[in-house]
Amino acid sequence: MSAAAPLPGHPRGEVVSGPATARSVNVLAPNASAMTLDGTNTWILAEPDSDLAVVVDPGPLDDTHLRAVIDTAARAGRRVALTLLTHGHPDHAEGAARFAELTRTKVRALDPALRLGGEGLSPRDVITTGGLELRVVPTPGHTADSLSFHLPADGAVLTGDTVLGRGTTVVAHPDGRLGDYLDTLRRLRSLATDDGVHTVLPGHGPVLEDAQGAVEFYLAHRAHRLAQVETAVESGLLTPSEVVARVYADVDRSLWPAAELSVRAQLEYLAEHGLI
């Protein structure tokens, strides 16, 4: 979840795209909102000398956007050969079936319900389409089916909604669990400290050039919010909505329903650990 405002001047149908690393290009979906920031980042990945591309998160069911992704790959002399999903939320996955129809590709995801035309994705799988090396990293917490994709040649990781380019994300209780999410953040920190990852290619918001700093910020933020929630409960607040009103008082009220999901996840975590 983020309270950051979407970019101005990005009306529906306008295509915003650009290179992020040597092997990645972003095409921004026209679905800007308080929850999606500037819109969903659809990532096109390919080896520099390859004529095949992999697309991660086609985004919403919007034909203009889906065709813009295909056209962006084609202008670089590439054909989309595979579609991947970081998770099943509609702003990332709703357009996947239509995109698969347009590109005649398979859709691979962790959740079997989202897969089309073949095998899914499992933790520690390695994608090798067109010579690309893309490692599947399990990153549950935002949702149970959340995955990230490690692009070692660029020192980058595609994080979906697990780490955003601006603000922080929601732990989407009950599917998302805070304990899983904290483990995920530590796993991403290890990628930064031990595996040379320095760039975050997020599902929303701008590219982050300090992956370790971003993950450390997320860990500190979660610890701070958890302490606030624990204090709120100790002061006598009994319901998630009451806790949200206290802990998220400085956050735009339009985001309070999402904040309540995170609060529910925090309350569950505190109860499981005997802290409330």
C-alpha atoms as a PDB file:
ATOM      1  CA  MET A   1       0.000   0.000   0.000  1.00  0.00           C
ATOM      2  CA  SER A   2       1.204   3.497  -0.730  1.00  0.00           C
ATOM      3  CA  ALA A   3      -0.220   6.919  -0.045  1.00  0.00           C
ATOM      4  CA  ALA A   4       1.773   8.415  -2.887  1.00  0.00           C
ATOM      5  CA  ALA A   5      -0.192  10.155  -5.622  1.00  0.00           C
ATOM      6  CA  PRO A   6      -0.210   8.849  -9.199  1.00  0.00           C
ATOM      7  CA  LEU A   7       1.724  10.719 -11.829  1.00  0.00           C
ATOM      8  CA  PRO A   8      -0.120  13.678 -13.349  1.00  0.00           C
ATOM      9  CA  GLY A   9      -0.567  13.810 -17.084  1.00  0.00           C
ATOM     10  CA  HIS A  10      -0.998  10.088 -17.618  1.00  0.00           C
ATOM     11  CA  PRO A  11      -4.481   9.774 -19.126  1.00  0.00           C
ATOM     12  CA  ARG A  12      -5.971   6.451 -20.067  1.00  0.00           C
ATOM     13  CA  GLY A  13      -4.467   5.098 -23.264  1.00  0.00           C
ATOM     14  CA  GLU A  14      -1.205   7.023 -23.112  1.00  0.00           C
ATOM     15  CA  VAL A  15       1.757   4.622 -23.337  1.00  0.00           C
ATOM     16  CA  VAL A  16       4.721   5.357 -21.102  1.00  0.00           C
ATOM     17  CA  SER A  17       7.719   3.071 -21.504  1.00  0.00           C
ATOM     18  CA  GLY A  18      11.452   3.017 -21.204  1.00  0.00           C
ATOM     19  CA  PRO A  19      14.532   0.888 -20.554  1.00  0.00           C
ATOM     20  CA  ALA A  20      15.457   0.181 -16.946  1.00  0.00           C
ATOM     21  CA  THR A  21      18.438  -2.164 -17.304  1.00  0.00           C
ATOM     22  CA  ALA A  22      20.257  -3.768 -20.237  1.00  0.00           C
ATOM     23  CA  ARG A  23      17.683  -6.552 -20.343  1.00  0.00           C
ATOM     24  CA  SER A  24      14.500  -4.852 -19.173  1.00  0.00           C
ATOM     25  CA  VAL A  25      12.009  -2.365 -20.559  1.00  0.00           C
ATOM     26  CA  ASN A  26       8.900  -1.146 -18.764  1.00  0.00           C
ATOM     27  CA  VAL A  27       5.554  -0.402 -20.388  1.00  0.00           C
ATOM     28  CA  LEU A  28       3.301   1.421 -17.935  1.00  0.00           C
ATOM     29  CA  ALA A  29      -0.353   0.390 -17.836  1.00  0.00           C
ATOM     30  CA  PRO A  30      -2.947   3.194 -17.801  1.00  0.00           C
ATOM     31  CA  ASN A  31      -4.459   2.223 -14.452  1.00  0.00           C
ATOM     32  CA  ALA A  32      -3.039   4.873 -12.119  1.00  0.00           C
ATOM     33  CA  SER A  33      -4.682   5.145  -8.682  1.00  0.00           C
ATOM     34  CA  ALA A  34      -3.839   5.644  -5.040  1.00  0.00           C
ATOM     35  CA  MET A  35      -3.280   1.891  -4.781  1.00  0.00           C
ATOM     36  CA  THR A  36      -1.430   1.319  -8.070  1.00  0.00           C
ATOM     37  CA  LEU A  37       0.625   4.544  -7.993  1.00  0.00           C
ATOM     38  CA  ASP A  38       1.482   5.559 -11.583  1.00  0.00           C
ATOM     39  CA  GLY A  39       0.029   2.319 -12.930  1.00  0.00           C
ATOM     40  CA  THR A  40       1.167  -1.285 -13.252  1.00  0.00           C
ATOM     41  CA  ASN A  41       4.662  -1.828 -14.605  1.00  0.00           C
ATOM     42  CA  THR A  42       4.644  -4.476 -17.320  1.00  0.00           C
ATOM     43  CA  TRP A  43       8.197  -5.706 -17.823  1.00  0.00           C
ATOM     44  CA  ILE A  44       9.676  -6.916 -21.123  1.00  0.00           C
ATOM     45  CA  LEU A  45      12.849  -8.940 -20.574  1.00  0.00           C
ATOM     46  CA  ALA A  46      15.289 -10.186 -23.191  1.00  0.00           C
ATOM     47  CA  GLU A  47      18.951 -10.841 -23.813  1.00  0.00           C
ATOM     48  CA  PRO A  48      20.392  -7.947 -25.861  1.00  0.00           C
ATOM     49  CA  ASP A  49      21.079 -10.163 -28.898  1.00  0.00           C
ATOM     50  CA  SER A  50      17.921 -12.283 -28.688  1.00  0.00           C
ATOM     51  CA  ASP A  51      14.806 -12.073 -30.834  1.00  0.00           C
ATOM     52  CA  LEU A  52      12.669 -13.603 -28.052  1.00  0.00           C
ATOM     53  CA  ALA A  53      11.242 -11.753 -25.064  1.00  0.00           C
ATOM     54  CA  VAL A  54       9.618 -12.681 -21.756  1.00  0.00           C
ATOM     55  CA  VAL A  55       6.831 -10.482 -20.385  1.00  0.00           C
ATOM     56  CA  VAL A  56       6.180 -10.247 -16.652  1.00  0.00           C
ATOM     57  CA  ASP A  57       2.742  -9.061 -15.471  1.00  0.00           C
ATOM     58  CA  PRO A  58       0.719  -8.052 -18.574  1.00  0.00           C
ATOM     59  CA  GLY A  59      -1.445  -5.936 -16.273  1.00  0.00           C
ATOM     60  CA  PRO A  60      -5.145  -5.087 -16.512  1.00  0.00           C
ATOM     61  CA  LEU A  61      -7.470  -6.236 -19.277  1.00  0.00           C
ATOM     62  CA  ASP A  62      -6.857  -3.244 -21.533  1.00  0.00           C
ATOM     63  CA  ASP A  63      -6.288  -4.025 -25.221  1.00  0.00           C
ATOM     64  CA  THR A  64      -4.491  -0.742 -25.874  1.00  0.00           C
ATOM     65  CA  HIS A  65      -1.947  -1.545 -23.185  1.00  0.00           C
ATOM     66  CA  LEU A  66      -1.546  -5.193 -24.139  1.00  0.00           C
ATOM     67  CA  ARG A  67      -0.939  -4.307 -27.778  1.00  0.00           C
ATOM     68  CA  ALA A  68       1.492  -1.560 -26.722  1.00  0.00           C
ATOM     69  CA  VAL A  69       3.545  -4.193 -24.904  1.00  0.00           C
ATOM     70  CA  ILE A  70       3.644  -6.367 -28.020  1.00  0.00           C
ATOM     71  CA  ASP A  71       4.495  -3.377 -30.220  1.00  0.00           C
ATOM     72  CA  THR A  72       7.292  -2.263 -27.874  1.00  0.00           C
ATOM     73  CA  ALA A  73       8.879  -5.699 -28.101  1.00  0.00           C
ATOM     74  CA  ALA A  74       8.411  -5.774 -31.883  1.00  0.00           C
ATOM     75  CA  ARG A  75      10.115  -2.403 -32.343  1.00  0.00           C
ATOM     76  CA  ALA A  76      13.170  -3.949 -30.706  1.00  0.00           C
ATOM     77  CA  GLY A  77      12.995  -6.861 -33.138  1.00  0.00           C
ATOM     78  CA  ARG A  78      11.581  -9.287 -30.594  1.00  0.00           C
ATOM     79  CA  ARG A  79       8.653 -11.666 -30.347  1.00  0.00           C
ATOM     80  CA  VAL A  80       6.990 -12.308 -26.988  1.00  0.00           C
ATOM     81  CA  ALA A  81       7.624 -15.990 -26.278  1.00  0.00           C
ATOM     82  CA  LEU A  82       6.509 -16.401 -22.659  1.00  0.00           C
ATOM     83  CA  THR A  83       4.277 -14.661 -20.104  1.00  0.00           C
ATOM     84  CA  LEU A  84       4.977 -14.768 -16.347  1.00  0.00           C
ATOM     85  CA  LEU A  85       2.987 -13.535 -13.352  1.00  0.00           C
ATOM     86  CA  THR A  86       4.327 -12.298 -10.022  1.00  0.00           C
ATOM     87  CA  HIS A  87       0.922 -12.917  -8.415  1.00  0.00           C
ATOM     88  CA  GLY A  88      -2.762 -13.009  -9.207  1.00  0.00           C
ATOM     89  CA  HIS A  89      -4.096  -9.558  -8.312  1.00  0.00           C
ATOM     90  CA  PRO A  90      -6.122  -8.160 -11.241  1.00  0.00           C
ATOM     91  CA  ASP A  91      -3.935  -5.100 -11.823  1.00  0.00           C
ATOM     92  CA  HIS A  92      -1.111  -7.531 -12.666  1.00  0.00           C
ATOM     93  CA  ALA A  93      -2.882 -10.583 -14.037  1.00  0.00           C
ATOM     94  CA  GLU A  94      -6.336  -9.722 -15.358  1.00  0.00           C
ATOM     95  CA  GLY A  95      -5.043  -9.187 -18.903  1.00  0.00           C
ATOM     96  CA  ALA A  96      -2.929 -12.360 -18.964  1.00  0.00           C
ATOM     97  CA  ALA A  97      -5.407 -14.590 -20.799  1.00  0.00           C
ATOM     98  CA  ARG A  98      -6.027 -11.980 -23.500  1.00  0.00           C
ATOM     99  CA  PHE A  99      -2.287 -11.304 -23.763  1.00  0.00           C
ATOM    100  CA  ALA A 100      -1.640 -15.028 -24.167  1.00  0.00           C
ATOM    101  CA  GLU A 101      -4.243 -15.095 -26.942  1.00  0.00           C
ATOM    102  CA  LEU A 102      -2.596 -12.152 -28.729  1.00  0.00           C
ATOM    103  CA  THR A 103       0.927 -13.558 -28.411  1.00  0.00           C
ATOM    104  CA  ARG A 104       0.144 -17.286 -28.517  1.00  0.00           C
ATOM    105  CA  THR A 105       2.228 -17.772 -25.402  1.00  0.00           C
ATOM    106  CA  LYS A 106       1.882 -19.834 -22.258  1.00  0.00           C
ATOM    107  CA  VAL A 107       1.202 -18.118 -18.954  1.00  0.00           C
ATOM    108  CA  ARG A 108       3.285 -19.428 -16.070  1.00  0.00           C
ATOM    109  CA  ALA A 109       2.415 -18.616 -12.455  1.00  0.00           C
ATOM    110  CA  LEU A 110       2.655 -20.175  -9.014  1.00  0.00           C
ATOM    111  CA  ASP A 111      -1.144 -20.425  -8.646  1.00  0.00           C
ATOM    112  CA  PRO A 112      -2.477 -23.226 -10.892  1.00  0.00           C
ATOM    113  CA  ALA A 113      -5.670 -21.212 -11.479  1.00  0.00           C
ATOM    114  CA  LEU A 114      -3.655 -18.555 -13.311  1.00  0.00           C
ATOM    115  CA  ARG A 115      -1.655 -20.862 -15.570  1.00  0.00           C
ATOM    116  CA  LEU A 116      -2.442 -21.261 -19.261  1.00  0.00           C
ATOM    117  CA  GLY A 117      -1.113 -23.847 -21.661  1.00  0.00           C
ATOM    118  CA  GLY A 118       1.391 -25.800 -19.622  1.00  0.00           C
ATOM    119  CA  GLU A 119       3.578 -25.938 -16.566  1.00  0.00           C
ATOM    120  CA  GLY A 120       3.494 -23.410 -13.787  1.00  0.00           C
ATOM    121  CA  LEU A 121       6.257 -21.860 -11.755  1.00  0.00           C
ATOM    122  CA  SER A 122       7.929 -23.286  -8.695  1.00  0.00           C
ATOM    123  CA  PRO A 123      10.420 -21.727  -6.305  1.00  0.00           C
ATOM    124  CA  ARG A 124      13.982 -21.895  -7.639  1.00  0.00           C
ATOM    125  CA  ASP A 125      12.907 -22.573 -11.238  1.00  0.00           C
ATOM    126  CA  VAL A 126      15.151 -20.936 -13.836  1.00  0.00           C
ATOM    127  CA  ILE A 127      13.663 -19.404 -16.993  1.00  0.00           C
ATOM    128  CA  THR A 128      16.002 -19.625 -20.015  1.00  0.00           C
ATOM    129  CA  THR A 129      13.856 -18.308 -22.891  1.00  0.00           C
ATOM    130  CA  GLY A 130      16.020 -16.749 -25.607  1.00  0.00           C
ATOM    131  CA  GLY A 131      19.150 -17.288 -23.509  1.00  0.00           C
ATOM    132  CA  LEU A 132      17.774 -15.172 -20.673  1.00  0.00           C
ATOM    133  CA  GLU A 133      18.549 -16.359 -17.148  1.00  0.00           C
ATOM    134  CA  LEU A 134      15.675 -15.495 -14.830  1.00  0.00           C
ATOM    135  CA  ARG A 135      15.523 -17.176 -11.430  1.00  0.00           C
ATOM    136  CA  VAL A 136      12.217 -17.666  -9.624  1.00  0.00           C
ATOM    137  CA  VAL A 137      12.335 -16.501  -5.999  1.00  0.00           C
ATOM    138  CA  PRO A 138       9.500 -17.376  -3.576  1.00  0.00           C
ATOM    139  CA  THR A 139       8.361 -14.153  -1.912  1.00  0.00           C
ATOM    140  CA  PRO A 140       5.025 -14.812  -0.151  1.00  0.00           C
ATOM    141  CA  GLY A 141       3.536 -12.282   2.226  1.00  0.00           C
ATOM    142  CA  HIS A 142       1.789  -9.666   0.121  1.00  0.00           C
ATOM    143  CA  THR A 143      -0.153 -12.670  -1.169  1.00  0.00           C
ATOM    144  CA  ALA A 144       0.452 -16.385  -0.723  1.00  0.00           C
ATOM    145  CA  ASP A 145       1.271 -16.789  -4.418  1.00  0.00           C
ATOM    146  CA  SER A 146       3.724 -13.873  -4.725  1.00  0.00           C
ATOM    147  CA  LEU A 147       6.935 -14.534  -6.627  1.00  0.00           C
ATOM    148  CA  SER A 148       9.889 -12.364  -7.548  1.00  0.00           C
ATOM    149  CA  PHE A 149      12.255 -12.866 -10.476  1.00  0.00           C
ATOM    150  CA  HIS A 150      16.023 -12.492 -10.101  1.00  0.00           C
ATOM    151  CA  LEU A 151      17.807 -11.234 -13.221  1.00  0.00           C
ATOM    152  CA  PRO A 152      21.435 -11.917 -12.254  1.00  0.00           C
ATOM    153  CA  ALA A 153      23.037 -10.538 -15.427  1.00  0.00           C
ATOM    154  CA  ASP A 154      21.670  -7.080 -14.560  1.00  0.00           C
ATOM    155  CA  GLY A 155      21.931  -7.393 -10.773  1.00  0.00           C
ATOM    156  CA  ALA A 156      18.175  -6.832 -10.649  1.00  0.00           C
ATOM    157  CA  VAL A 157      15.068  -8.338  -9.074  1.00  0.00           C
ATOM    158  CA  LEU A 158      11.471  -7.922 -10.256  1.00  0.00           C
ATOM    159  CA  THR A 159       9.378  -7.739  -7.116  1.00  0.00           C
ATOM    160  CA  GLY A 160       5.748  -7.332  -8.204  1.00  0.00           C
ATOM    161  CA  ASP A 161       3.959  -5.827  -5.197  1.00  0.00           C
ATOM    162  CA  THR A 162       6.437  -7.176  -2.636  1.00  0.00           C
ATOM    163  CA  VAL A 163       8.589  -4.033  -2.832  1.00  0.00           C
ATOM    164  CA  LEU A 164       7.206  -0.942  -4.566  1.00  0.00           C
ATOM    165  CA  GLY A 165       9.095   1.893  -6.182  1.00  0.00           C
ATOM    166  CA  ARG A 166       7.445   4.379  -3.849  1.00  0.00           C
ATOM    167  CA  GLY A 167       5.763   3.961  -0.479  1.00  0.00           C
ATOM    168  CA  THR A 168       5.094   0.558   1.092  1.00  0.00           C
ATOM    169  CA  THR A 169       2.888  -2.368   0.209  1.00  0.00           C
ATOM    170  CA  VAL A 170      -0.084  -4.015   1.886  1.00  0.00           C
ATOM    171  CA  VAL A 171      -0.021  -7.459   3.474  1.00  0.00           C
ATOM    172  CA  ALA A 172      -3.305  -8.635   1.985  1.00  0.00           C
ATOM    173  CA  HIS A 173      -4.776 -10.597   4.901  1.00  0.00           C
ATOM    174  CA  PRO A 174      -5.934 -13.349   5.099  1.00  0.00           C
ATOM    175  CA  ASP A 175      -4.123 -14.566   1.993  1.00  0.00           C
ATOM    176  CA  GLY A 176      -1.085 -12.494   2.883  1.00  0.00           C
ATOM    177  CA  ARG A 177       0.690 -13.247   6.160  1.00  0.00           C
ATOM    178  CA  LEU A 178       3.079 -10.957   8.016  1.00  0.00           C
ATOM    179  CA  GLY A 179       5.425 -13.727   9.165  1.00  0.00           C
ATOM    180  CA  ASP A 180       5.837 -14.858   5.552  1.00  0.00           C
ATOM    181  CA  TYR A 181       6.360 -11.270   4.464  1.00  0.00           C
ATOM    182  CA  LEU A 182       9.122 -10.632   6.994  1.00  0.00           C
ATOM    183  CA  ASP A 183      10.864 -13.830   5.878  1.00  0.00           C
ATOM    184  CA  THR A 184      10.527 -12.645   2.282  1.00  0.00           C
ATOM    185  CA  LEU A 185      12.137  -9.290   3.048  1.00  0.00           C
ATOM    186  CA  ARG A 186      15.063 -11.083   4.679  1.00  0.00           C
ATOM    187  CA  ARG A 187      15.356 -13.306   1.591  1.00  0.00           C
ATOM    188  CA  LEU A 188      15.473 -10.223  -0.647  1.00  0.00           C
ATOM    189  CA  ARG A 189      18.070  -8.663   1.651  1.00  0.00           C
ATOM    190  CA  SER A 190      20.215 -11.760   1.144  1.00  0.00           C
ATOM    191  CA  LEU A 191      19.941 -11.331  -2.626  1.00  0.00           C
ATOM    192  CA  ALA A 192      21.310  -7.814  -2.194  1.00  0.00           C
ATOM    193  CA  THR A 193      24.090  -8.653   0.242  1.00  0.00           C
ATOM    194  CA  ASP A 194      25.145 -12.065  -1.097  1.00  0.00           C
ATOM    195  CA  ASP A 195      24.056 -12.263  -4.743  1.00  0.00           C
ATOM    196  CA  GLY A 196      24.876  -8.842  -6.158  1.00  0.00           C
ATOM    197  CA  VAL A 197      21.336  -7.506  -6.545  1.00  0.00           C
ATOM    198  CA  HIS A 198      21.388  -3.711  -6.572  1.00  0.00           C
ATOM    199  CA  THR A 199      18.305  -2.792  -8.622  1.00  0.00           C
ATOM    200  CA  VAL A 200      14.620  -3.315  -7.841  1.00  0.00           C
ATOM    201  CA  LEU A 201      12.233  -3.450 -10.802  1.00  0.00           C
ATOM    202  CA  PRO A 202       8.917  -3.029  -8.964  1.00  0.00           C
ATOM    203  CA  GLY A 203       5.344  -3.764  -9.984  1.00  0.00           C
ATOM    204  CA  HIS A 204       4.433  -0.114  -9.354  1.00  0.00           C
ATOM    205  CA  GLY A 205       6.470   3.051  -9.124  1.00  0.00           C
ATOM    206  CA  PRO A 206       9.984   3.942 -10.267  1.00  0.00           C
ATOM    207  CA  VAL A 207      13.027   1.692 -10.459  1.00  0.00           C
ATOM    208  CA  LEU A 208      15.061   1.604  -7.236  1.00  0.00           C
ATOM    209  CA  GLU A 209      18.841   1.627  -7.584  1.00  0.00           C
ATOM    210  CA  ASP A 210      19.588   0.691  -3.943  1.00  0.00           C
ATOM    211  CA  ALA A 211      17.962  -2.690  -3.392  1.00  0.00           C
ATOM    212  CA  GLN A 212      19.494  -3.260   0.021  1.00  0.00           C
ATOM    213  CA  GLY A 213      18.481   0.197   1.224  1.00  0.00           C
ATOM    214  CA  ALA A 214      14.919  -0.343   0.015  1.00  0.00           C
ATOM    215  CA  VAL A 215      14.591  -3.681   1.803  1.00  0.00           C
ATOM    216  CA  GLU A 216      16.131  -2.310   5.000  1.00  0.00           C
ATOM    217  CA  PHE A 217      13.587   0.522   4.896  1.00  0.00           C
ATOM    218  CA  TYR A 218      10.752  -1.977   4.499  1.00  0.00           C
ATOM    219  CA  LEU A 219      11.989  -4.055   7.432  1.00  0.00           C
ATOM    220  CA  ALA A 220      12.276  -0.970   9.640  1.00  0.00           C
ATOM    221  CA  HIS A 221       8.844   0.243   8.557  1.00  0.00           C
ATOM    222  CA  ARG A 222       7.244  -3.106   9.389  1.00  0.00           C
ATOM    223  CA  ALA A 223       8.894  -3.195  12.812  1.00  0.00           C
ATOM    224  CA  HIS A 224       7.691   0.342  13.512  1.00  0.00           C
ATOM    225  CA  ARG A 225       4.099  -0.374  12.438  1.00  0.00           C
ATOM    226  CA  LEU A 226       4.037  -3.604  14.416  1.00  0.00           C
ATOM    227  CA  ALA A 227       5.118  -1.767  17.561  1.00  0.00           C
ATOM    228  CA  GLN A 228       2.437   0.868  16.941  1.00  0.00           C
ATOM    229  CA  VAL A 229      -0.255  -1.783  16.571  1.00  0.00           C
ATOM    230  CA  GLU A 230       0.892  -3.568  19.725  1.00  0.00           C
ATOM    231  CA  THR A 231       0.770  -0.281  21.652  1.00  0.00           C
ATOM    232  CA  ALA A 232      -2.698   0.513  20.279  1.00  0.00           C
ATOM    233  CA  VAL A 233      -4.031  -2.848  21.476  1.00  0.00           C
ATOM    234  CA  GLU A 234      -2.420  -2.413  24.889  1.00  0.00           C
ATOM    235  CA  SER A 235      -4.184   0.958  25.168  1.00  0.00           C
ATOM    236  CA  GLY A 236      -7.562  -0.778  24.812  1.00  0.00           C
ATOM    237  CA  LEU A 237      -8.354  -0.595  21.092  1.00  0.00           C
ATOM    238  CA  LEU A 238     -10.170  -3.791  20.230  1.00  0.00           C
ATOM    239  CA  THR A 239     -11.056  -3.831  16.525  1.00  0.00           C
ATOM    240  CA  PRO A 240      -8.914  -3.528  13.388  1.00  0.00           C
ATOM    241  CA  SER A 241     -10.805  -0.393  12.332  1.00  0.00           C
ATOM    242  CA  GLU A 242     -10.047   1.259  15.685  1.00  0.00           C
ATOM    243  CA  VAL A 243      -6.371   0.378  15.338  1.00  0.00           C
ATOM    244  CA  VAL A 244      -6.275   1.769  11.785  1.00  0.00           C
ATOM    245  CA  ALA A 245      -7.780   5.067  12.938  1.00  0.00           C
ATOM    246  CA  ARG A 246      -5.020   5.401  15.530  1.00  0.00           C
ATOM    247  CA  VAL A 247      -1.982   3.992  13.725  1.00  0.00           C
ATOM    248  CA  TYR A 248      -2.764   5.227  10.203  1.00  0.00           C
ATOM    249  CA  ALA A 249      -4.206   8.601  11.175  1.00  0.00           C
ATOM    250  CA  ASP A 250      -1.647  10.349   8.930  1.00  0.00           C
ATOM    251  CA  VAL A 251      -2.554   8.242   5.873  1.00  0.00           C
ATOM    252  CA  ASP A 252      -5.155   9.231   3.273  1.00  0.00           C
ATOM    253  CA  ARG A 253      -8.509   7.752   4.362  1.00  0.00           C
ATOM    254  CA  SER A 254      -9.006   6.255   0.904  1.00  0.00           C
ATOM    255  CA  LEU A 255      -6.208   3.837   1.838  1.00  0.00           C
ATOM    256  CA  TRP A 256      -7.666   2.812   5.196  1.00  0.00           C
ATOM    257  CA  PRO A 257      -9.427  -0.311   3.820  1.00  0.00           C
ATOM    258  CA  ALA A 258      -6.058  -1.571   2.563  1.00  0.00           C
ATOM    259  CA  ALA A 259      -4.430  -0.537   5.837  1.00  0.00           C
ATOM    260  CA  GLU A 260      -7.001  -2.631   7.680  1.00  0.00           C
ATOM    261  CA  LEU A 261      -5.835  -5.714   5.794  1.00  0.00           C
ATOM    262  CA  SER A 262      -2.287  -5.081   7.018  1.00  0.00           C
ATOM    263  CA  VAL A 263      -3.531  -4.429  10.554  1.00  0.00           C
ATOM    264  CA  ARG A 264      -5.406  -7.727  10.551  1.00  0.00           C
ATOM    265  CA  ALA A 265      -2.189  -9.451   9.440  1.00  0.00           C
ATOM    266  CA  GLN A 266      -0.264  -7.657  12.203  1.00  0.00           C
ATOM    267  CA  LEU A 267      -2.814  -8.610  14.860  1.00  0.00           C
ATOM    268  CA  GLU A 268      -2.667 -12.232  13.737  1.00  0.00           C
ATOM    269  CA  TYR A 269       1.144 -12.155  13.897  1.00  0.00           C
ATOM    270  CA  LEU A 270       1.170 -10.617  17.382  1.00  0.00           C
ATOM    271  CA  ALA A 271      -1.354 -13.164  18.639  1.00  0.00           C
ATOM    272  CA  GLU A 272       0.578 -16.098  17.149  1.00  0.00           C
ATOM    273  CA  HIS A 273       3.724 -14.891  18.926  1.00  0.00           C
ATOM    274  CA  GLY A 274       1.962 -14.359  22.245  1.00  0.00           C
ATOM    275  CA  LEU A 275       2.498 -10.598  22.197  1.00  0.00           C
ATOM    276  CA  ILE A 276      -1.172  -9.656  22.608  1.00  0.00           C
END
